[in-house]
Amino acid sequence: MKELEENQKKSETTSKNNRHASIGSARPSQRRTEGQTQPCKVCSTTEWEEDISRGETYCLGCGSVAEENAIDPGAEWTNHSDGQDRSRVGAPMRQSLSDKGLNTTIHRGDLTSAGAKRHGINGKKLRDLRRQAVIDERSKTRSSRARNLTKAFQFIRDRGNLPPRLTEEAAALYRKAAEMNLVAGRSIRGVSAACVYLAAREANLPRTIEEVGEQFDMTSIAASKELKRTIRLVSRHLGTHRITSPAEYLDVFHSKLGLPAPVLGEANYLWERVGGSLEWQGKKPAGVAGVILYKASQNRGHPRTQAEVCKVATVSEVTLRGLLRILDALLAHLGEAPSN
């Protein structure tokens, strides 16, 4: 009995010291289960060790297993940022969701026939839950702003064809545009396409306006003009004024034209020679990249027709020939041989 009382006093002293040591810290680094707070039933000691891989808690004194398949009831503190605070749990917020993923939803997978059977839901309860899911979804898009964001983010996710990180960037741009009231009077499709184009341009991911317009079904003359006008508007208000270099299109156009590797090296060499000229100011970067590859393919013996290059660079043959005259003049000034 005396040994038991002494062990209990030691355990109380140890727990007090642990409480005092944890004061001032943001969150406890370790959590203790209920079985680790009581003395061992065999040797009456309180020296416990936890085997996380096996889910067991055993006594260091006698080796008796006090718990197996233990479940930790403590909070699963996580941190999805670079800070030290671990006070928030759950998945990180997503800009590509209208509610940023903070609301709870009734998952439709739980209401299927197999899911309902697994959860013991009968037919009447299943009908009630489906109706509740519809009402819950409608209640989250009651305001016009929520409906606007929901439709726009669906456009960005389904048609943007961007990596996950850039999808979030495009959604953040659209959210800022909505806060600045830039969406009013303009189509949601057009502003979403503009945000996708700007997000790709800021991340050095080459996308032409025509390519983005095709993804968002804005290929007509009026829709294309609207897209270009919206891109200029959103770029001006959000401060995304980065200028795309023709060198960023060389790899993409080289792949689409099916050219060998030496042609790409020749194209990079030509751009290093003539890229610093002021003659390219105001010219379409995709067109400049197209004429550089057209010239490089001729120099390396793998020529491509002007029609093939224009289809990839989304410029007319008249524009390509005008850029080719500029390129030949610059190469002649540098002592290079002109094209045929």
Protein backbone atom coordinates (compact mmCIF):
# COMPACT_ATOMS: atom_id res chain seq x y z
CA MET A 1 0.00 0.00 0.00
CA LYS A 2 2.81 2.40 0.84
CA GLU A 3 4.49 1.70 -2.51
CA LEU A 4 1.19 2.31 -4.31
CA GLU A 5 0.69 5.65 -2.53
CA GLU A 6 4.27 6.70 -3.33
CA ASN A 7 3.81 5.80 -6.98
CA GLN A 8 0.56 7.77 -7.13
CA LYS A 9 2.28 10.81 -5.58
CA LYS A 10 5.10 10.50 -8.11
CA SER A 11 2.60 10.34 -10.96
CA GLU A 12 0.76 13.43 -9.64
CA THR A 13 4.06 15.32 -9.35
CA THR A 14 5.05 14.28 -12.86
CA SER A 15 1.70 15.38 -14.33
CA LYS A 16 1.97 18.76 -12.57
CA ASN A 17 5.46 19.27 -13.97
CA ASN A 18 4.23 18.38 -17.42
CA ARG A 19 1.38 20.89 -17.12
CA HIS A 20 3.76 23.63 -16.01
CA ALA A 21 6.16 22.80 -18.84
CA SER A 22 3.39 23.05 -21.43
CA ILE A 23 2.41 26.59 -20.37
CA GLY A 24 3.36 29.11 -23.03
CA SER A 25 3.41 26.64 -25.92
CA ALA A 26 0.84 27.03 -28.68
CA ARG A 27 -0.20 23.37 -28.75
CA PRO A 28 1.02 20.19 -27.00
CA SER A 29 3.49 18.28 -29.12
CA GLN A 30 2.26 14.88 -27.84
CA ARG A 31 -1.13 13.61 -26.68
CA ARG A 32 -1.64 10.94 -24.05
CA THR A 33 -4.45 8.42 -24.14
CA GLU A 34 -6.66 7.58 -21.18
CA GLY A 35 -4.79 4.35 -20.37
CA GLN A 36 -1.51 6.23 -19.92
CA THR A 37 -2.83 8.30 -17.00
CA GLN A 38 -3.45 5.34 -14.66
CA PRO A 39 -0.88 3.17 -12.77
CA CYS A 40 -0.01 -0.23 -14.18
CA LYS A 41 -2.29 -2.98 -12.80
CA VAL A 42 0.63 -5.41 -12.53
CA CYS A 43 3.53 -3.41 -11.08
CA SER A 44 1.72 -0.13 -10.15
CA THR A 45 4.20 2.06 -12.04
CA THR A 46 3.27 4.89 -14.39
CA GLU A 47 6.15 4.58 -16.87
CA TRP A 48 4.35 4.03 -20.16
CA GLU A 49 5.64 3.68 -23.68
CA GLU A 50 3.55 3.89 -26.83
CA ASP A 51 4.15 1.85 -29.97
CA ILE A 52 2.52 3.98 -32.65
CA SER A 53 2.96 1.44 -35.44
CA ARG A 54 1.12 -1.27 -33.48
CA GLY A 55 -1.29 1.03 -31.62
CA GLU A 56 -0.24 -0.43 -28.27
CA THR A 57 0.66 1.10 -24.93
CA TYR A 58 2.86 -1.02 -22.65
CA CYS A 59 4.52 -0.64 -19.26
CA LEU A 60 8.28 -0.11 -19.18
CA GLY A 61 8.55 -1.80 -15.81
CA CYS A 62 6.95 -5.16 -16.52
CA GLY A 63 6.10 -5.04 -20.22
CA SER A 64 2.38 -5.47 -19.66
CA VAL A 65 0.26 -4.20 -22.55
CA ALA A 66 -2.34 -1.81 -21.20
CA GLU A 67 -3.96 -0.81 -24.51
CA GLU A 68 -4.10 -2.22 -27.99
CA ASN A 69 -5.65 -0.75 -31.12
CA ALA A 70 -5.70 2.50 -29.20
CA ILE A 71 -7.62 5.45 -30.59
CA ASP A 72 -6.31 8.90 -29.78
CA PRO A 73 -9.31 11.12 -28.94
CA GLY A 74 -7.22 14.31 -29.12
CA ALA A 75 -7.51 16.88 -31.88
CA GLU A 76 -5.54 16.13 -35.02
CA TRP A 77 -3.72 19.45 -35.27
CA THR A 78 -2.54 20.23 -38.76
CA ASN A 79 -0.94 23.17 -40.48
CA HIS A 80 -1.19 23.76 -44.23
CA SER A 81 0.89 26.95 -44.24
CA ASP A 82 4.48 27.85 -43.41
CA GLY A 83 3.66 29.22 -39.95
CA GLN A 84 4.01 27.58 -36.55
CA ASP A 85 0.34 27.71 -35.59
CA ARG A 86 -1.33 24.30 -35.78
CA SER A 87 -4.70 25.38 -34.42
CA ARG A 88 -6.71 24.72 -37.61
CA VAL A 89 -7.78 21.29 -38.75
CA GLY A 90 -9.16 19.91 -41.97
CA ALA A 91 -8.27 20.48 -45.59
CA PRO A 92 -6.79 23.80 -46.72
CA MET A 93 -9.01 26.51 -48.14
CA ARG A 94 -9.50 26.50 -51.90
CA GLN A 95 -10.00 29.65 -53.91
CA SER A 96 -11.63 27.67 -56.71
CA LEU A 97 -14.70 26.97 -54.54
CA SER A 98 -17.24 29.71 -53.92
CA ASP A 99 -17.28 29.01 -50.16
CA LYS A 100 -13.51 28.22 -50.13
CA GLY A 101 -14.40 24.68 -49.01
CA LEU A 102 -15.40 25.76 -45.49
CA ASN A 103 -19.05 24.63 -45.64
CA THR A 104 -20.20 21.09 -45.02
CA THR A 105 -22.04 19.21 -47.74
CA ILE A 106 -24.17 16.10 -48.00
CA HIS A 107 -22.05 13.91 -50.25
CA ARG A 108 -24.05 12.31 -53.02
CA GLY A 109 -21.89 9.20 -52.83
CA ASP A 110 -23.49 8.43 -49.47
CA LEU A 111 -26.96 8.59 -51.03
CA THR A 112 -26.43 6.04 -53.77
CA SER A 113 -28.00 2.63 -53.49
CA ALA A 114 -24.77 1.00 -52.31
CA GLY A 115 -23.89 3.87 -49.96
CA ALA A 116 -27.39 4.01 -48.50
CA LYS A 117 -27.41 0.26 -47.94
CA ARG A 118 -24.01 0.42 -46.25
CA HIS A 119 -25.24 3.13 -43.86
CA GLY A 120 -28.56 1.40 -43.16
CA ILE A 121 -30.75 4.01 -44.88
CA ASN A 122 -34.19 2.85 -45.99
CA GLY A 123 -36.13 4.14 -48.98
CA LYS A 124 -38.10 6.89 -47.22
CA LYS A 125 -35.03 8.21 -45.41
CA LEU A 126 -33.09 8.15 -48.68
CA ARG A 127 -35.73 10.33 -50.38
CA ASP A 128 -35.65 12.76 -47.46
CA LEU A 129 -31.87 13.01 -47.54
CA ARG A 130 -31.82 13.63 -51.28
CA ARG A 131 -34.34 16.43 -50.86
CA GLN A 132 -32.28 17.88 -48.01
CA ALA A 133 -29.16 17.76 -50.19
CA VAL A 134 -30.94 19.78 -52.91
CA ILE A 135 -32.20 22.32 -50.38
CA ASP A 136 -28.74 22.57 -48.82
CA GLU A 137 -27.13 23.19 -52.22
CA ARG A 138 -29.69 25.86 -53.09
CA SER A 139 -29.28 27.61 -49.76
CA LYS A 140 -25.56 28.10 -50.39
CA THR A 141 -26.18 29.87 -53.70
CA ARG A 142 -29.03 32.08 -52.57
CA SER A 143 -27.20 35.35 -53.24
CA SER A 144 -26.33 36.49 -56.75
CA ARG A 145 -22.65 36.80 -55.82
CA ALA A 146 -22.50 33.17 -54.67
CA ARG A 147 -24.17 31.99 -57.89
CA ASN A 148 -21.77 34.10 -59.91
CA LEU A 149 -18.70 32.64 -58.18
CA THR A 150 -20.02 29.10 -58.41
CA LYS A 151 -20.56 29.32 -62.17
CA ALA A 152 -17.27 31.12 -62.81
CA PHE A 153 -15.19 28.66 -60.80
CA GLN A 154 -16.85 25.78 -62.61
CA PHE A 155 -15.75 27.37 -65.90
CA ILE A 156 -12.19 27.75 -64.59
CA ARG A 157 -11.96 24.18 -63.31
CA ASP A 158 -13.59 22.50 -66.32
CA ARG A 159 -12.26 24.60 -69.21
CA GLY A 160 -9.12 26.27 -67.90
CA ASN A 161 -6.89 23.22 -68.47
CA LEU A 162 -4.45 24.54 -65.87
CA PRO A 163 -2.40 22.79 -63.18
CA PRO A 164 -4.04 22.80 -59.71
CA ARG A 165 -1.89 25.65 -58.42
CA LEU A 166 -2.67 27.88 -61.40
CA THR A 167 -6.34 26.98 -61.16
CA GLU A 168 -6.33 28.44 -57.66
CA GLU A 169 -4.48 31.53 -58.94
CA ALA A 170 -7.06 32.07 -61.70
CA ALA A 171 -9.88 31.69 -59.18
CA ALA A 172 -8.21 34.22 -56.87
CA LEU A 173 -7.95 36.68 -59.78
CA TYR A 174 -11.63 36.25 -60.55
CA ARG A 175 -12.56 36.74 -56.90
CA LYS A 176 -10.60 40.02 -56.86
CA ALA A 177 -12.26 41.10 -60.10
CA ALA A 178 -15.67 40.39 -58.58
CA GLU A 179 -14.79 42.44 -55.50
CA MET A 180 -13.83 45.35 -57.79
CA ASN A 181 -17.19 45.00 -59.57
CA LEU A 182 -15.48 44.24 -62.90
CA VAL A 183 -17.87 41.38 -63.63
CA ALA A 184 -20.99 43.57 -63.73
CA GLY A 185 -22.20 44.00 -67.31
CA ARG A 186 -19.80 41.38 -68.67
CA SER A 187 -20.17 37.69 -69.32
CA ILE A 188 -18.97 35.28 -66.65
CA ARG A 189 -17.43 33.15 -69.38
CA GLY A 190 -15.37 36.07 -70.71
CA VAL A 191 -14.02 37.20 -67.33
CA SER A 192 -13.22 33.60 -66.39
CA ALA A 193 -11.29 33.12 -69.64
CA ALA A 194 -9.41 36.38 -69.05
CA CYS A 195 -8.40 35.26 -65.55
CA VAL A 196 -7.20 31.90 -66.91
CA TYR A 197 -5.09 33.64 -69.55
CA LEU A 198 -3.59 36.10 -67.05
CA ALA A 199 -2.82 33.38 -64.49
CA ALA A 200 -0.98 31.37 -67.15
CA ARG A 201 0.88 34.45 -68.39
CA GLU A 202 2.02 35.42 -64.90
CA ALA A 203 3.36 31.88 -64.34
CA ASN A 204 5.37 31.86 -67.62
CA LEU A 205 3.03 29.21 -69.04
CA PRO A 206 2.58 30.13 -72.72
CA ARG A 207 -1.07 30.27 -73.78
CA THR A 208 -2.31 32.24 -76.74
CA ILE A 209 -5.54 34.21 -76.56
CA GLU A 210 -6.95 32.14 -79.43
CA GLU A 211 -6.21 28.91 -77.54
CA VAL A 212 -7.96 30.15 -74.41
CA GLY A 213 -10.87 31.44 -76.48
CA GLU A 214 -11.26 28.00 -78.08
CA GLN A 215 -11.34 26.34 -74.67
CA PHE A 216 -14.11 28.70 -73.52
CA ASP A 217 -16.08 28.55 -76.81
CA MET A 218 -15.25 32.17 -77.66
CA THR A 219 -14.07 31.67 -81.24
CA SER A 220 -16.35 34.10 -83.08
CA ILE A 221 -15.09 37.55 -84.06
CA ALA A 222 -17.32 39.33 -81.53
CA ALA A 223 -16.42 36.89 -78.71
CA SER A 224 -12.71 37.16 -79.51
CA LYS A 225 -12.86 40.95 -79.37
CA GLU A 226 -14.73 40.75 -76.07
CA LEU A 227 -12.10 38.41 -74.63
CA LYS A 228 -9.21 40.68 -75.63
CA ARG A 229 -11.02 43.72 -74.24
CA THR A 230 -11.73 41.92 -70.96
CA ILE A 231 -8.10 40.79 -70.66
CA ARG A 232 -6.91 44.40 -70.99
CA LEU A 233 -9.48 45.58 -68.44
CA VAL A 234 -8.74 42.92 -65.80
CA SER A 235 -4.99 43.27 -66.34
CA ARG A 236 -5.16 47.02 -65.85
CA HIS A 237 -7.16 46.84 -62.60
CA LEU A 238 -5.31 43.87 -61.08
CA GLY A 239 -1.83 45.01 -62.07
CA THR A 240 -0.91 41.92 -64.10
CA HIS A 241 1.19 43.67 -66.74
CA ARG A 242 3.80 41.02 -67.43
CA ILE A 243 4.77 40.87 -71.12
CA THR A 244 5.15 37.44 -72.69
CA SER A 245 8.43 36.85 -74.48
CA PRO A 246 8.47 35.07 -77.87
CA ALA A 247 11.10 32.70 -76.44
CA GLU A 248 8.42 31.19 -74.18
CA TYR A 249 6.50 29.92 -77.23
CA LEU A 250 9.45 28.29 -78.99
CA ASP A 251 9.26 24.98 -77.10
CA VAL A 252 5.49 24.67 -77.55
CA PHE A 253 5.46 25.56 -81.24
CA HIS A 254 8.49 23.32 -81.86
CA SER A 255 6.61 20.38 -80.39
CA LYS A 256 3.40 21.11 -82.31
CA LEU A 257 5.27 21.35 -85.61
CA GLY A 258 7.06 18.04 -85.00
CA LEU A 259 10.53 19.47 -85.59
CA PRO A 260 13.78 17.77 -84.48
CA ALA A 261 15.90 19.06 -81.60
CA PRO A 262 18.54 20.87 -83.75
CA VAL A 263 15.81 23.19 -85.05
CA LEU A 264 14.97 24.30 -81.52
CA GLY A 265 18.63 25.01 -80.85
CA GLU A 266 18.83 27.06 -84.06
CA ALA A 267 15.68 28.98 -83.08
CA ASN A 268 17.13 29.84 -79.67
CA TYR A 269 20.36 30.94 -81.36
CA LEU A 270 18.48 33.22 -83.77
CA TRP A 271 16.47 34.76 -80.97
CA GLU A 272 19.62 35.49 -78.99
CA ARG A 273 20.98 37.32 -82.03
CA VAL A 274 17.92 39.41 -82.92
CA GLY A 275 15.83 39.38 -79.72
CA GLY A 276 17.21 42.65 -78.44
CA SER A 277 16.13 44.67 -81.49
CA LEU A 278 13.46 47.35 -81.11
CA GLU A 279 11.87 46.18 -84.35
CA TRP A 280 9.88 43.57 -82.42
CA GLN A 281 8.09 46.10 -80.24
CA GLY A 282 4.36 46.01 -80.76
CA LYS A 283 4.52 42.69 -82.61
CA LYS A 284 2.56 39.65 -81.46
CA PRO A 285 4.90 37.38 -79.45
CA ALA A 286 3.38 34.20 -80.89
CA GLY A 287 3.91 35.52 -84.43
CA VAL A 288 7.52 36.40 -83.71
CA ALA A 289 8.12 32.91 -82.29
CA GLY A 290 6.49 31.41 -85.39
CA VAL A 291 8.74 33.30 -87.82
CA ILE A 292 11.85 32.40 -85.78
CA LEU A 293 10.94 28.69 -86.02
CA TYR A 294 10.09 29.06 -89.72
CA LYS A 295 13.55 30.50 -90.38
CA ALA A 296 15.29 27.92 -88.14
CA SER A 297 13.54 25.01 -89.88
CA GLN A 298 14.80 26.26 -93.24
CA ASN A 299 18.35 26.70 -91.97
CA ARG A 300 18.44 23.16 -90.54
CA GLY A 301 16.96 21.43 -93.58
CA HIS A 302 13.54 20.60 -92.08
CA PRO A 303 11.37 23.27 -93.67
CA ARG A 304 7.73 23.83 -92.80
CA THR A 305 5.24 25.66 -94.97
CA GLN A 306 3.97 29.08 -94.02
CA ALA A 307 0.46 27.66 -93.66
CA GLU A 308 1.65 25.09 -91.09
CA VAL A 309 3.51 27.69 -89.05
CA CYS A 310 0.62 30.17 -89.22
CA LYS A 311 -1.82 27.54 -87.97
CA VAL A 312 0.31 26.91 -84.89
CA ALA A 313 1.20 30.56 -84.23
CA THR A 314 -2.41 31.72 -84.90
CA VAL A 315 -1.32 34.50 -87.29
CA SER A 316 -2.07 35.12 -90.95
CA GLU A 317 0.38 34.40 -93.74
CA VAL A 318 0.54 38.11 -94.54
CA THR A 319 1.65 38.81 -90.96
CA LEU A 320 4.21 36.01 -91.11
CA ARG A 321 5.72 37.34 -94.34
CA GLY A 322 5.93 40.84 -92.86
CA LEU A 323 7.76 39.50 -89.81
CA LEU A 324 10.02 37.46 -92.08
CA ARG A 325 11.12 40.63 -93.90
CA ILE A 326 12.03 42.21 -90.55
CA LEU A 327 13.98 39.09 -89.55
CA ASP A 328 15.87 38.96 -92.86
CA ALA A 329 16.81 42.63 -92.54
CA LEU A 330 18.15 42.11 -89.02
CA LEU A 331 20.12 39.01 -90.06
CA ALA A 332 21.55 40.83 -93.09
CA HIS A 333 22.66 43.63 -90.82
CA LEU A 334 24.40 41.05 -88.61
CA GLY A 335 26.02 39.34 -91.60
CA GLU A 336 23.71 36.30 -91.74
CA ALA A 337 22.45 34.87 -95.03
CA PRO A 338 18.88 35.89 -95.93
CA SER A 339 16.11 33.37 -96.51
CA ASN A 340 14.92 32.29 -99.95
